[in-house]
Amino acid sequence: MVRVTPQGWPPLLIYRVDGEIYATADTCTHATASLSEGELEGHTIVCPVHWAEFDVRTGRALCFPATQALETFEVSVEDGQIYVRGTNSNGSDKP
């Protein structure tokens, strides 16, 4: 996994699991910790602060103390480049 900070976007976390690429917000929904400092166990990212767990495919919170899902983003790979689609802080849709 790798943390990226595209201009105008919140920090994102890009994952590669079983050959598939996923993207979520990097910030834990429970306690603003960077998930990039946590552990990736299969499709589960574990927060380094309070051990909240999230499914990187859906963003779903898997255990307490997290109750709110992570934001997820559509991902495509073209010519070896990873593209993330979502809404940036300006409200525009941007690859």
Foldseek 3Di string as FASTA:
>chain_A
DDWDDDPQAAIKDWDAAPNDIWIWHQAAPQDRAGLVPFDDDHQWGFGPPPRFIARRVWQQTDDPPDHDGTGIWDWDADPNDIDTWDAGNVRDTDD
